[in-house]
C-alpha cells in the first residue's frame, strides 16, 4: 500500500482511530532538542495580543513547512 492510499484510507476512519494512528506515528519521532516553558508561552501570547507579532493560519504554516522541505 502506498502513502497516498494509506492517507486516503486513514481519512475514512473514525476520529478516535485517527488519533490513535497519529499518536503512534508521533511517538516514533525523536524528542525535540528544545523545551518550551510556560513563561515562553505566556510571552508569545502577550506578543500576539499586543500586536507586536502577527498570527498566521494553520494553512499558512503548513505551506511554509512544505515549501522549506522542498529546498
PDB file of N, CA and C in Angstrom:
ATOM      1  N   UNK A   1       0.855  -1.174   0.000  1.00  0.00           N
ATOM      2  CA  UNK A   1       0.000   0.000   0.000  1.00  0.00           C
ATOM      3  C   UNK A   1       0.898   1.234   0.000  1.00  0.00           C
ATOM      4  N   UNK A   2       0.630   2.151  -0.901  1.00  0.00           N
ATOM      5  CA  UNK A   2       1.398   3.381  -0.988  1.00  0.00           C
ATOM      6  C   UNK A   2       0.921   4.414   0.026  1.00  0.00           C
ATOM      7  N   UNK A   3       1.718   5.461   0.164  1.00  0.00           N
ATOM      8  CA  UNK A   3       1.414   6.510   1.133  1.00  0.00           C
ATOM      9  C   UNK A   3       0.090   7.186   0.823  1.00  0.00           C
ATOM     10  N   UNK A   4      -0.163   7.504  -0.427  1.00  0.00           N
ATOM     11  CA  UNK A   4      -1.407   8.196  -0.784  1.00  0.00           C
ATOM     12  C   UNK A   4      -2.622   7.326  -0.481  1.00  0.00           C
ATOM     13  N   UNK A   5      -2.523   6.048  -0.762  1.00  0.00           N
ATOM     14  CA  UNK A   5      -3.632   5.140  -0.474  1.00  0.00           C
ATOM     15  C   UNK A   5      -3.840   5.019   1.032  1.00  0.00           C
ATOM     16  N   UNK A   6      -2.755   4.953   1.760  1.00  0.00           N
ATOM     17  CA  UNK A   6      -2.833   4.880   3.215  1.00  0.00           C
ATOM     18  C   UNK A   6      -3.508   6.130   3.786  1.00  0.00           C
ATOM     19  N   UNK A   7      -3.121   7.303   3.283  1.00  0.00           N
ATOM     20  CA  UNK A   7      -3.745   8.549   3.746  1.00  0.00           C
ATOM     21  C   UNK A   7      -5.227   8.587   3.400  1.00  0.00           C
ATOM     22  N   UNK A   8      -5.567   8.134   2.202  1.00  0.00           N
ATOM     23  CA  UNK A   8      -6.973   8.111   1.782  1.00  0.00           C
ATOM     24  C   UNK A   8      -7.791   7.220   2.713  1.00  0.00           C
ATOM     25  N   UNK A   9      -7.273   6.054   3.025  1.00  0.00           N
ATOM     26  CA  UNK A   9      -7.982   5.128   3.912  1.00  0.00           C
ATOM     27  C   UNK A   9      -8.069   5.683   5.329  1.00  0.00           C
ATOM     28  N   UNK A  10      -6.996   6.312   5.804  1.00  0.00           N
ATOM     29  CA  UNK A  10      -6.976   6.862   7.162  1.00  0.00           C
ATOM     30  C   UNK A  10      -8.016   7.967   7.320  1.00  0.00           C
ATOM     31  N   UNK A  11      -8.238   8.736   6.268  1.00  0.00           N
ATOM     32  CA  UNK A  11      -9.237   9.814   6.339  1.00  0.00           C
ATOM     33  C   UNK A  11     -10.642   9.274   6.589  1.00  0.00           C
ATOM     34  N   UNK A  12     -10.881   8.020   6.244  1.00  0.00           N
ATOM     35  CA  UNK A  12     -12.206   7.418   6.398  1.00  0.00           C
ATOM     36  C   UNK A  12     -12.453   6.878   7.811  1.00  0.00           C
ATOM     37  N   UNK A  13     -11.414   6.814   8.622  1.00  0.00           N
ATOM     38  CA  UNK A  13     -11.536   6.254   9.960  1.00  0.00           C
ATOM     39  C   UNK A  13     -12.260   7.198  10.915  1.00  0.00           C
ATOM     40  N   UNK A  14     -12.866   6.642  11.949  1.00  0.00           N
ATOM     41  CA  UNK A  14     -13.454   7.493  12.995  1.00  0.00           C
ATOM     42  C   UNK A  14     -12.354   8.315  13.671  1.00  0.00           C
ATOM     43  N   UNK A  15     -12.746   9.435  14.238  1.00  0.00           N
ATOM     44  CA  UNK A  15     -11.788  10.372  14.838  1.00  0.00           C
ATOM     45  C   UNK A  15     -10.856   9.700  15.854  1.00  0.00           C
ATOM     46  N   UNK A  16     -11.408   8.857  16.710  1.00  0.00           N
ATOM     47  CA  UNK A  16     -10.588   8.194  17.735  1.00  0.00           C
ATOM     48  C   UNK A  16      -9.515   7.310  17.137  1.00  0.00           C
ATOM     49  N   UNK A  17      -9.837   6.591  16.075  1.00  0.00           N
ATOM     50  CA  UNK A  17      -8.853   5.731  15.419  1.00  0.00           C
ATOM     51  C   UNK A  17      -7.780   6.559  14.721  1.00  0.00           C
ATOM     52  N   UNK A  18      -8.193   7.678  14.118  1.00  0.00           N
ATOM     53  CA  UNK A  18      -7.198   8.577  13.509  1.00  0.00           C
ATOM     54  C   UNK A  18      -6.251   9.097  14.573  1.00  0.00           C
ATOM     55  N   UNK A  19      -6.807   9.472  15.732  1.00  0.00           N
ATOM     56  CA  UNK A  19      -5.984   9.976  16.832  1.00  0.00           C
ATOM     57  C   UNK A  19      -4.989   8.918  17.291  1.00  0.00           C
ATOM     58  N   UNK A  20      -5.420   7.655  17.353  1.00  0.00           N
ATOM     59  CA  UNK A  20      -4.512   6.572  17.736  1.00  0.00           C
ATOM     60  C   UNK A  20      -3.355   6.443  16.753  1.00  0.00           C
ATOM     61  N   UNK A  21      -3.666   6.524  15.469  1.00  0.00           N
ATOM     62  CA  UNK A  21      -2.622   6.421  14.444  1.00  0.00           C
ATOM     63  C   UNK A  21      -1.652   7.596  14.554  1.00  0.00           C
ATOM     64  N   UNK A  22      -2.200   8.792  14.684  1.00  0.00           N
ATOM     65  CA  UNK A  22      -1.358   9.987  14.794  1.00  0.00           C
ATOM     66  C   UNK A  22      -0.455   9.901  16.009  1.00  0.00           C
ATOM     67  N   UNK A  23      -1.026   9.512  17.134  1.00  0.00           N
ATOM     68  CA  UNK A  23      -0.252   9.392  18.366  1.00  0.00           C
ATOM     69  C   UNK A  23       0.874   8.376  18.198  1.00  0.00           C
ATOM     70  N   UNK A  24       0.540   7.256  17.599  1.00  0.00           N
ATOM     71  CA  UNK A  24       1.555   6.222  17.371  1.00  0.00           C
ATOM     72  C   UNK A  24       2.671   6.693  16.468  1.00  0.00           C
ATOM     73  N   UNK A  25       2.323   7.409  15.407  1.00  0.00           N
ATOM     74  CA  UNK A  25       3.348   7.917  14.487  1.00  0.00           C
ATOM     75  C   UNK A  25       4.204   8.991  15.142  1.00  0.00           C
ATOM     76  N   UNK A  26       3.559   9.909  15.863  1.00  0.00           N
ATOM     77  CA  UNK A  26       4.314  10.970  16.529  1.00  0.00           C
ATOM     78  C   UNK A  26       5.314  10.411  17.536  1.00  0.00           C
ATOM     79  N   UNK A  27       4.947   9.315  18.192  1.00  0.00           N
ATOM     80  CA  UNK A  27       5.841   8.738  19.194  1.00  0.00           C
ATOM     81  C   UNK A  27       7.092   8.118  18.569  1.00  0.00           C
ATOM     82  N   UNK A  28       7.100   7.936  17.238  1.00  0.00           N
ATOM     83  CA  UNK A  28       8.275   7.369  16.583  1.00  0.00           C
ATOM     84  C   UNK A  28       9.319   8.424  16.224  1.00  0.00           C
ATOM     85  N   UNK A  29       8.942   9.697  16.320  1.00  0.00           N
ATOM     86  CA  UNK A  29       9.893  10.770  16.029  1.00  0.00           C
ATOM     87  C   UNK A  29      10.795  10.989  17.234  1.00  0.00           C
ATOM     88  N   UNK A  30      12.020  11.430  16.995  1.00  0.00           N
ATOM     89  CA  UNK A  30      12.898  11.727  18.128  1.00  0.00           C
ATOM     90  C   UNK A  30      12.366  12.924  18.914  1.00  0.00           C
ATOM     91  N   UNK A  31      12.721  12.979  20.170  1.00  0.00           N
ATOM     92  CA  UNK A  31      12.299  14.102  21.011  1.00  0.00           C
ATOM     93  C   UNK A  31      12.879  15.398  20.474  1.00  0.00           C
ATOM     94  N   UNK A  32      12.148  16.474  20.710  1.00  0.00           N
ATOM     95  CA  UNK A  32      12.624  17.792  20.286  1.00  0.00           C
ATOM     96  C   UNK A  32      13.895  18.138  21.043  1.00  0.00           C
ATOM     97  N   UNK A  33      14.738  18.896  20.405  1.00  0.00           N
ATOM     98  CA  UNK A  33      16.001  19.290  21.027  1.00  0.00           C
ATOM     99  C   UNK A  33      15.842  20.553  21.856  1.00  0.00           C
ATOM    100  N   UNK A  34      14.634  20.982  22.067  1.00  0.00           N
ATOM    101  CA  UNK A  34      14.371  22.186  22.840  1.00  0.00           C
ATOM    102  C   UNK A  34      13.128  21.961  23.693  1.00  0.00           C
ATOM    103  N   UNK A  35      12.975  22.793  24.674  1.00  0.00           N
ATOM    104  CA  UNK A  35      11.823  22.707  25.561  1.00  0.00           C
ATOM    105  C   UNK A  35      11.227  24.100  25.671  1.00  0.00           C
ATOM    106  N   UNK A  36       9.919  24.190  25.669  1.00  0.00           N
ATOM    107  CA  UNK A  36       9.249  25.477  25.769  1.00  0.00           C
ATOM    108  C   UNK A  36       8.611  25.579  27.148  1.00  0.00           C
ATOM    109  N   UNK A  37       8.987  26.598  27.878  1.00  0.00           N
ATOM    110  CA  UNK A  37       8.454  26.789  29.227  1.00  0.00           C
ATOM    111  C   UNK A  37       7.106  27.512  29.179  1.00  0.00           C
ATOM    112  N   UNK A  38       6.395  27.457  30.305  1.00  0.00           N
ATOM    113  CA  UNK A  38       5.141  28.206  30.414  1.00  0.00           C
ATOM    114  C   UNK A  38       5.397  29.702  30.249  1.00  0.00           C
ATOM    115  N   UNK A  39       6.544  30.166  30.754  1.00  0.00           N
ATOM    116  CA  UNK A  39       6.891  31.586  30.630  1.00  0.00           C
ATOM    117  C   UNK A  39       7.059  31.982  29.162  1.00  0.00           C
ATOM    118  N   UNK A  40       7.664  31.106  28.374  1.00  0.00           N
ATOM    119  CA  UNK A  40       7.846  31.376  26.943  1.00  0.00           C
ATOM    120  C   UNK A  40       6.489  31.440  26.243  1.00  0.00           C
ATOM    121  N   UNK A  41       5.609  30.526  26.584  1.00  0.00           N
ATOM    122  CA  UNK A  41       4.259  30.525  26.001  1.00  0.00           C
ATOM    123  C   UNK A  41       3.539  31.826  26.364  1.00  0.00           C
ATOM    124  N   UNK A  42       3.613  32.222  27.633  1.00  0.00           N
ATOM    125  CA  UNK A  42       2.959  33.455  28.083  1.00  0.00           C
ATOM    126  C   UNK A  42       3.514  34.670  27.332  1.00  0.00           C
ATOM    127  N   UNK A  43       4.828  34.691  27.115  1.00  0.00           N
ATOM    128  CA  UNK A  43       5.456  35.789  26.375  1.00  0.00           C
ATOM    129  C   UNK A  43       4.933  35.845  24.947  1.00  0.00           C
ATOM    130  N   UNK A  44       4.852  34.688  24.296  1.00  0.00           N
ATOM    131  CA  UNK A  44       4.371  34.648  22.908  1.00  0.00           C
ATOM    132  C   UNK A  44       2.911  35.096  22.819  1.00  0.00           C
ATOM    133  N   UNK A  45       2.102  34.697  23.786  1.00  0.00           N
ATOM    134  CA  UNK A  45       0.696  35.130  23.799  1.00  0.00           C
ATOM    135  C   UNK A  45       0.624  36.642  23.967  1.00  0.00           C
ATOM    136  N   UNK A  46       1.414  37.178  24.879  1.00  0.00           N
ATOM    137  CA  UNK A  46       1.418  38.630  25.112  1.00  0.00           C
ATOM    138  C   UNK A  46       1.863  39.377  23.860  1.00  0.00           C
ATOM    139  N   UNK A  47       2.870  38.855  23.166  1.00  0.00           N
ATOM    140  CA  UNK A  47       3.343  39.499  21.928  1.00  0.00           C
ATOM    141  C   UNK A  47       2.245  39.510  20.869  1.00  0.00           C
ATOM    142  N   UNK A  48       1.514  38.421  20.771  1.00  0.00           N
ATOM    143  CA  UNK A  48       0.435  38.334  19.794  1.00  0.00           C
ATOM    144  C   UNK A  48      -0.704  39.271  20.154  1.00  0.00           C
ATOM    145  N   UNK A  49      -1.091  39.266  21.427  1.00  0.00           N
ATOM    146  CA  UNK A  49      -2.202  40.110  21.858  1.00  0.00           C
ATOM    147  C   UNK A  49      -1.883  41.595  21.747  1.00  0.00           C
ATOM    148  N   UNK A  50      -0.609  41.964  21.910  1.00  0.00           N
ATOM    149  CA  UNK A  50      -0.223  43.371  21.821  1.00  0.00           C
ATOM    150  C   UNK A  50      -0.087  43.841  20.375  1.00  0.00           C
ATOM    151  N   UNK A  51      -0.061  42.897  19.443  1.00  0.00           N
ATOM    152  CA  UNK A  51       0.121  43.255  18.041  1.00  0.00           C
ATOM    153  C   UNK A  51       1.577  43.311  17.628  1.00  0.00           C
ATOM    154  N   UNK A  52       2.478  43.018  18.563  1.00  0.00           N
ATOM    155  CA  UNK A  52       3.911  43.037  18.260  1.00  0.00           C
ATOM    156  C   UNK A  52       4.265  41.994  17.197  1.00  0.00           C
ATOM    157  N   UNK A  53       3.597  40.862  17.264  1.00  0.00           N
ATOM    158  CA  UNK A  53       3.751  39.829  16.237  1.00  0.00           C
ATOM    159  C   UNK A  53       2.367  39.479  15.727  1.00  0.00           C
ATOM    160  N   UNK A  54       2.314  38.861  14.548  1.00  0.00           N
ATOM    161  CA  UNK A  54       1.033  38.558  13.931  1.00  0.00           C
ATOM    162  C   UNK A  54       0.874  37.045  13.786  1.00  0.00           C
ATOM    163  N   UNK A  55      -0.320  36.556  14.105  1.00  0.00           N
ATOM    164  CA  UNK A  55      -0.632  35.143  13.911  1.00  0.00           C
ATOM    165  C   UNK A  55      -0.625  34.803  12.431  1.00  0.00           C
ATOM    166  N   UNK A  56      -0.388  33.520  12.141  1.00  0.00           N
ATOM    167  CA  UNK A  56      -0.615  33.006  10.797  1.00  0.00           C
ATOM    168  C   UNK A  56      -1.565  31.826  10.933  1.00  0.00           C
ATOM    169  N   UNK A  57      -2.269  31.526   9.866  1.00  0.00           N
ATOM    170  CA  UNK A  57      -3.214  30.420   9.887  1.00  0.00           C
ATOM    171  C   UNK A  57      -2.469  29.091   9.797  1.00  0.00           C
ATOM    172  N   UNK A  58      -3.175  28.034  10.139  1.00  0.00           N
ATOM    173  CA  UNK A  58      -2.605  26.702  10.007  1.00  0.00           C
ATOM    174  C   UNK A  58      -2.211  26.435   8.558  1.00  0.00           C
ATOM    175  N   UNK A  59      -3.050  26.869   7.628  1.00  0.00           N
ATOM    176  CA  UNK A  59      -2.750  26.653   6.208  1.00  0.00           C
ATOM    177  C   UNK A  59      -1.459  27.365   5.797  1.00  0.00           C
ATOM    178  N   UNK A  60      -1.246  28.582   6.305  1.00  0.00           N
ATOM    179  CA  UNK A  60      -0.007  29.308   6.015  1.00  0.00           C
ATOM    180  C   UNK A  60       1.199  28.581   6.607  1.00  0.00           C
ATOM    181  N   UNK A  61       1.052  28.110   7.828  1.00  0.00           N
ATOM    182  CA  UNK A  61       2.131  27.365   8.479  1.00  0.00           C
ATOM    183  C   UNK A  61       2.469  26.113   7.688  1.00  0.00           C
ATOM    184  N   UNK A  62       1.455  25.370   7.326  1.00  0.00           N
ATOM    185  CA  UNK A  62       1.640  24.127   6.576  1.00  0.00           C
ATOM    186  C   UNK A  62       2.332  24.394   5.237  1.00  0.00           C
ATOM    187  N   UNK A  63       1.896  25.424   4.535  1.00  0.00           N
ATOM    188  CA  UNK A  63       2.508  25.763   3.232  1.00  0.00           C
ATOM    189  C   UNK A  63       3.966  26.145   3.410  1.00  0.00           C
ATOM    190  N   UNK A  64       4.288  26.887   4.450  1.00  0.00           N
ATOM    191  CA  UNK A  64       5.669  27.289   4.714  1.00  0.00           C
ATOM    192  C   UNK A  64       6.540  26.070   5.004  1.00  0.00           C
ATOM    193  N   UNK A  65       6.031  25.166   5.824  1.00  0.00           N
ATOM    194  CA  UNK A  65       6.790  23.963   6.179  1.00  0.00           C
ATOM    195  C   UNK A  65       7.032  23.121   4.939  1.00  0.00           C
ATOM    196  N   UNK A  66       5.994  22.933   4.115  1.00  0.00           N
ATOM    197  CA  UNK A  66       6.150  22.151   2.906  1.00  0.00           C
ATOM    198  C   UNK A  66       7.132  22.804   1.937  1.00  0.00           C
ATOM    199  N   UNK A  67       7.065  24.122   1.846  1.00  0.00           N
ATOM    200  CA  UNK A  67       7.965  24.863   0.949  1.00  0.00           C
ATOM    201  C   UNK A  67       9.419  24.694   1.403  1.00  0.00           C
ATOM    202  N   UNK A  68       9.656  24.807   2.686  1.00  0.00           N
ATOM    203  CA  UNK A  68      11.025  24.655   3.215  1.00  0.00           C
ATOM    204  C   UNK A  68      11.534  23.238   3.026  1.00  0.00           C
ATOM    205  N   UNK A  69      10.640  22.273   3.094  1.00  0.00           N
ATOM    206  CA  UNK A  69      11.038  20.879   2.925  1.00  0.00           C
ATOM    207  C   UNK A  69      11.455  20.555   1.503  1.00  0.00           C
ATOM    208  N   UNK A  70      11.014  21.355   0.560  1.00  0.00           N
ATOM    209  CA  UNK A  70      11.338  21.115  -0.850  1.00  0.00           C
ATOM    210  C   UNK A  70      12.667  21.742  -1.256  1.00  0.00           C
ATOM    211  N   UNK A  71      13.232  22.541  -0.382  1.00  0.00           N
ATOM    212  CA  UNK A  71      14.509  23.214  -0.711  1.00  0.00           C
ATOM    213  C   UNK A  71      15.679  22.373  -0.329  1.00  0.00           C
TER     214      UNK A  71
END
